[in-house]
Protein backbone atom coordinates (compact mmCIF):
# COMPACT_ATOMS: atom_id res chain seq x y z
CA UNK A 1 0.00 0.00 0.00
CA UNK A 2 1.07 3.58 -0.57
CA UNK A 3 2.27 5.62 2.40
CA UNK A 4 -0.33 8.13 3.53
CA UNK A 5 1.51 11.42 4.05
CA UNK A 6 -1.46 13.74 4.66
CA UNK A 7 -2.92 12.87 8.06
CA UNK A 8 -4.06 15.25 10.80
CA UNK A 9 -4.24 14.29 14.46
CA UNK A 10 -5.50 16.35 17.38
CA UNK A 11 -2.42 18.56 16.98
CA UNK A 12 -4.43 20.11 14.15
CA UNK A 13 -7.34 22.31 15.15
CA UNK A 14 -9.92 20.51 13.00
CA UNK A 15 -8.95 16.86 13.63
CA UNK A 16 -10.66 14.44 15.96
CA UNK A 17 -8.38 11.46 16.72
CA UNK A 18 -5.09 11.04 18.53
CA UNK A 19 -1.85 9.89 16.95
CA UNK A 20 -2.22 6.62 18.85
CA UNK A 21 -5.66 5.91 17.40
CA UNK A 22 -4.49 6.77 13.90
CA UNK A 23 -1.44 4.51 14.17
CA UNK A 24 -3.61 1.62 15.34
CA UNK A 25 -5.91 2.10 12.36
CA UNK A 26 -2.98 2.27 9.93
CA UNK A 27 -1.56 -1.01 11.25
CA UNK A 28 -4.98 -2.65 11.04
CA UNK A 29 -5.24 -1.59 7.39
CA UNK A 30 -1.82 -3.02 6.58
CA UNK A 31 -0.13 0.31 5.93
CA UNK A 32 3.61 0.19 6.44
CA UNK A 33 4.25 3.94 6.50
CA UNK A 34 2.31 7.09 7.36
CA UNK A 35 3.13 10.70 8.04
CA UNK A 36 1.57 13.24 10.37
CA UNK A 37 1.30 16.62 8.65
CA UNK A 38 -0.38 18.94 11.11
CA UNK A 39 -1.71 22.32 10.06
CA UNK A 40 0.64 25.23 10.56
CA UNK A 41 -1.51 28.25 9.72
CA UNK A 42 0.23 31.61 9.72
CA UNK A 43 -2.06 33.93 7.82
CA UNK A 44 -2.85 36.94 10.05
CA UNK A 45 -6.60 36.47 9.55
CA UNK A 46 -6.60 32.72 10.26
CA UNK A 47 -8.27 32.10 13.61
CA UNK A 48 -6.25 28.88 14.07
CA UNK A 49 -2.91 30.70 14.01
CA UNK A 50 -0.85 29.56 17.01
CA UNK A 51 -2.78 26.31 17.58
CA UNK A 52 0.08 23.92 16.65
CA UNK A 53 2.39 23.00 19.56
CA UNK A 54 5.60 21.52 18.11
CA UNK A 55 7.16 20.17 21.31
CA UNK A 56 4.04 18.27 22.32
CA UNK A 57 3.72 16.96 18.73
CA UNK A 58 7.27 15.63 18.74
CA UNK A 59 6.91 14.01 22.16
CA UNK A 60 3.82 12.05 21.11
CA UNK A 61 5.22 11.18 17.70
CA UNK A 62 8.35 9.69 19.26
CA UNK A 63 6.19 7.74 21.74
CA UNK A 64 4.17 6.32 18.83
CA UNK A 65 7.36 5.39 16.99
CA UNK A 66 8.56 3.47 20.02
CA UNK A 67 5.18 1.77 20.55
CA UNK A 68 4.73 0.75 16.90
CA UNK A 69 8.31 -0.38 16.34
CA UNK A 70 8.92 -2.08 12.98
CA UNK A 71 5.18 -2.49 12.28
CA UNK A 72 4.82 1.10 11.11
CA UNK A 73 7.21 3.79 9.90
CA UNK A 74 5.98 7.17 11.12
CA UNK A 75 7.20 10.25 9.28
CA UNK A 76 7.20 13.76 10.69
CA UNK A 77 5.74 16.51 8.55
CA UNK A 78 3.74 19.71 8.54
CA UNK A 79 1.16 21.25 6.24
CA UNK A 80 2.45 24.77 5.72
CA UNK A 81 -0.16 27.25 4.56
CA UNK A 82 1.24 29.99 2.30
CA UNK A 83 4.86 29.16 3.22
CA UNK A 84 6.17 31.60 0.61
CA UNK A 85 4.63 34.46 2.59
CA UNK A 86 6.03 33.39 5.97
CA UNK A 87 9.56 32.14 5.26
CA UNK A 88 11.27 34.11 8.01
CA UNK A 89 8.77 32.97 10.63
CA UNK A 90 9.00 29.31 9.53
CA UNK A 91 12.78 29.00 9.32
CA UNK A 92 13.52 28.53 13.06
CA UNK A 93 10.85 25.81 13.40
CA UNK A 94 12.02 23.95 10.30
CA UNK A 95 15.60 24.06 11.55
CA UNK A 96 14.75 22.93 15.09
CA UNK A 97 13.61 19.36 14.34
CA UNK A 98 14.47 16.45 12.00
CA UNK A 99 11.40 16.77 9.75
CA UNK A 100 10.86 14.22 7.01
CA UNK A 101 8.80 16.35 4.63
CA UNK A 102 6.84 19.57 4.30
CA UNK A 103 3.52 19.90 2.51
CA UNK A 104 2.96 23.25 0.82
CA UNK A 105 -0.67 24.43 0.74
CA UNK A 106 -2.52 27.48 -0.50
CA UNK A 107 -5.58 28.21 1.60
CA UNK A 108 -5.66 32.00 1.27
CA UNK A 109 -5.58 34.29 -1.76
CA UNK A 110 -4.67 37.73 -0.43
CA UNK A 111 -7.13 38.17 2.46
CA UNK A 112 -9.75 35.68 1.32
CA UNK A 113 -9.89 32.01 2.29
CA UNK A 114 -10.72 29.61 -0.53
CA UNK A 115 -12.90 27.79 2.00
CA UNK A 116 -15.12 30.86 2.30
CA UNK A 117 -18.05 30.81 -0.16
CA UNK A 118 -17.63 34.58 -0.48
CA UNK A 119 -14.35 33.99 -2.32
CA UNK A 120 -16.28 32.68 -5.32
CA UNK A 121 -18.60 35.69 -5.72
CA UNK A 122 -16.21 37.14 -8.35
CA UNK A 123 -16.92 34.37 -10.88
CA UNK A 124 -15.03 31.23 -11.95
CA UNK A 125 -12.35 32.83 -14.14
CA UNK A 126 -11.29 35.33 -11.48
CA UNK A 127 -11.63 32.94 -8.54
CA UNK A 128 -9.66 30.07 -10.07
CA UNK A 129 -7.24 32.39 -11.86
CA UNK A 130 -6.34 34.12 -8.61
CA UNK A 131 -5.88 30.78 -6.88
CA UNK A 132 -3.50 29.36 -9.50
CA UNK A 133 -1.55 32.62 -9.70
CA UNK A 134 -1.02 32.34 -5.94
CA UNK A 135 -0.08 28.67 -6.27
CA UNK A 136 2.61 29.58 -8.80
CA UNK A 137 4.12 32.06 -6.34
CA UNK A 138 4.14 29.33 -3.66
CA UNK A 139 5.86 26.81 -5.92
CA UNK A 140 8.43 29.36 -7.10
CA UNK A 141 9.46 30.69 -3.72
CA UNK A 142 8.50 28.39 -0.82
CA UNK A 143 10.56 25.83 1.09
CA UNK A 144 8.44 22.66 0.77
CA UNK A 145 8.68 19.10 -0.54
CA UNK A 146 5.16 18.09 -1.63
CA UNK A 147 2.47 20.32 -3.11
CA UNK A 148 -0.78 19.43 -1.35
CA UNK A 149 -4.31 19.28 -2.86
CA UNK A 150 -3.32 21.12 -6.05
CA UNK A 151 -6.79 22.38 -7.02
CA UNK A 152 -8.47 22.46 -3.61
CA UNK A 153 -10.34 25.65 -4.58
CA UNK A 154 -12.72 23.42 -6.55
CA UNK A 155 -14.03 21.94 -3.29
CA UNK A 156 -16.15 25.00 -2.54
CA UNK A 157 -16.06 26.24 -6.11
CA UNK A 158 -18.22 23.23 -6.95
CA UNK A 159 -21.08 24.66 -4.90
CA UNK A 160 -20.78 28.00 -6.74
CA UNK A 161 -20.03 26.93 -10.32
CA UNK A 162 -20.40 23.16 -10.62
CA UNK A 163 -17.62 20.81 -11.72
CA UNK A 164 -14.21 22.41 -12.23
CA UNK A 165 -12.91 22.30 -15.82
CA UNK A 166 -9.09 22.50 -15.75
CA UNK A 167 -9.02 23.32 -19.47
CA UNK A 168 -10.35 26.80 -18.65
CA UNK A 169 -7.15 27.42 -16.61
CA UNK A 170 -4.74 25.23 -18.58
CA UNK A 171 -2.09 27.88 -19.17
CA UNK A 172 -1.89 28.81 -15.50
CA UNK A 173 -2.03 25.19 -14.35
CA UNK A 174 0.73 24.06 -16.69
CA UNK A 175 2.91 26.94 -15.52
CA UNK A 176 2.57 25.70 -11.92
CA UNK A 177 3.21 22.08 -12.93
CA UNK A 178 6.24 23.06 -15.00
CA UNK A 179 7.76 24.93 -12.05
CA UNK A 180 6.95 22.04 -9.70
CA UNK A 181 8.74 19.60 -12.00
CA UNK A 182 11.67 21.97 -12.56
CA UNK A 183 12.23 22.34 -8.82
CA UNK A 184 12.01 18.57 -8.26
CA UNK A 185 9.05 18.79 -5.91
CA UNK A 186 6.33 16.17 -5.57
CA UNK A 187 2.67 16.41 -6.51
CA UNK A 188 0.30 15.04 -3.90
CA UNK A 189 -2.72 13.06 -5.09
CA UNK A 190 -5.19 13.93 -2.37
CA UNK A 191 -8.16 11.62 -1.94
CA UNK A 192 -9.96 13.84 0.55
CA UNK A 193 -12.04 15.46 -2.18
CA UNK A 194 -13.32 12.01 -3.18
CA UNK A 195 -15.31 12.18 0.05
CA UNK A 196 -16.78 15.58 -0.86
CA UNK A 197 -19.47 16.68 -3.27
CA UNK A 198 -16.86 17.35 -5.96
CA UNK A 199 -16.28 13.56 -6.11
CA UNK A 200 -12.74 13.41 -7.54
CA UNK A 201 -9.18 13.53 -6.29
CA UNK A 202 -7.25 16.77 -5.97
CA UNK A 203 -5.91 17.06 -8.56
CA UNK A 204 -7.96 14.97 -10.95
CA UNK A 205 -6.67 12.79 -13.79
CA UNK A 206 -6.30 15.56 -16.37
CA UNK A 207 -3.92 17.60 -14.21
CA UNK A 208 -1.95 14.52 -13.13
CA UNK A 209 -1.47 13.70 -16.81
CA UNK A 210 -0.33 17.26 -17.52
CA UNK A 211 2.21 16.99 -14.68
CA UNK A 212 3.70 13.96 -16.36
CA UNK A 213 3.76 15.81 -19.69
CA UNK A 214 5.59 18.73 -18.04
CA UNK A 215 8.31 16.38 -16.82
CA UNK A 216 7.00 15.68 -13.33
CA UNK A 217 8.38 12.52 -11.74
CA UNK A 218 7.55 12.69 -8.03
CA UNK A 219 4.06 11.83 -6.73
CA UNK A 220 2.75 11.06 -3.26
CA UNK A 221 -0.55 9.94 -1.80
CA UNK A 222 -2.48 11.74 0.93
CA UNK A 223 -5.89 10.93 2.37
CA UNK A 224 -6.24 14.30 4.15
CA UNK A 225 -7.68 12.28 7.02
CA UNK A 226 -8.88 14.27 10.00
CA UNK A 227 -9.96 11.14 11.85
CA UNK A 228 -8.75 7.55 11.96
CA UNK A 229 -11.53 6.11 9.81
CA UNK A 230 -10.33 7.97 6.72
CA UNK A 231 -6.66 6.94 6.89
CA UNK A 232 -5.63 5.39 3.57
CA UNK A 233 -8.94 6.28 1.93
CA UNK A 234 -9.10 5.91 -1.87
CA UNK A 235 -5.71 4.26 -2.37
CA UNK A 236 -6.75 1.84 -5.10
CA UNK A 237 -8.38 4.62 -7.14
CA UNK A 238 -5.22 6.72 -6.84
CA UNK A 239 -2.93 3.85 -7.87
CA UNK A 240 -5.15 3.14 -10.87
CA UNK A 241 -5.07 6.79 -11.95
CA UNK A 242 -1.30 7.05 -11.56
CA UNK A 243 -0.81 4.03 -13.79
CA UNK A 244 -3.25 5.40 -16.37
CA UNK A 245 -1.36 8.69 -16.49
CA UNK A 246 2.02 7.05 -17.04
CA UNK A 247 3.53 6.87 -13.56
CA UNK A 248 5.31 3.73 -12.44
CA UNK A 249 6.77 4.98 -9.16
CA UNK A 250 5.77 6.88 -6.03
CA UNK A 251 7.92 8.89 -3.65
CA UNK A 252 8.79 8.47 0.01
CA UNK A 253 10.64 10.97 2.18
CA UNK A 254 13.12 10.72 5.04
CA UNK A 255 14.83 13.78 6.47
CA UNK A 256 13.45 15.69 3.48
CA UNK A 257 15.20 13.49 0.96
CA UNK A 258 13.02 11.81 -1.71
CA UNK A 259 13.31 8.21 -2.83
CA UNK A 260 11.34 6.55 -5.63
CA UNK A 261 9.73 3.12 -5.24
CA UNK A 262 7.65 1.04 -7.71
CA UNK A 263 3.91 1.52 -7.55
CA UNK A 264 2.19 -1.42 -5.84
CA UNK A 265 -0.06 -3.72 -7.84
CA UNK A 266 -3.78 -3.10 -7.82
CA UNK A 267 -5.92 -5.37 -5.71
CA UNK A 268 -8.24 -7.76 -7.57
């Protein structure tokens, strides 16, 4: 099974289960590797700013590593929101601990959250265009390893405009993918949006195929689980899509160094 690198425990403000519960579920599912990537929200208008407590996170993560032993590799990560805008603030934290990977996320465009329905009042071209312009700035300038939920704006954009058509933003999207490939960063295939009304991964098959066409080689899986029951969700669908789009490997991280491994076979 693929490692699940996008999992939130109670060290994230919106998650419900402890690291211990999540590790138990991962072992029960047969996962051999997971990563905890707690929210680190730094936007001045984000009401969860300051929630993450790194020392407590590391203490519990090390306790889980000791308890799970060889049954489960547990990687240490963070989900950094708008890391290109907060580099100076992030640097001491990133230097203080032996992190395995960093997810880069765009949740805010200027002073509007893409999870706020008001963001989409401007219309689809402006809303999605502003999002992908911001994503390009993140990919160009941020310190991160894996780009999380590439087109997450479609989650609430679906309620405003219906299904997202990447062709309408192809030029902007390809520019982001090209920069991602050029910098040797990984694209996350996030299955969390499979559980939402939008009903497809983030990104979907078209964008994953474009990433391959732009020279992208590194891909990771993330369930975006906020409770134990969703750990590993949608793996088989993601593996199938990766194979259809030309990928034969996935990427694991240790101490922020990537390594490619063959994609697992699909279950019957």
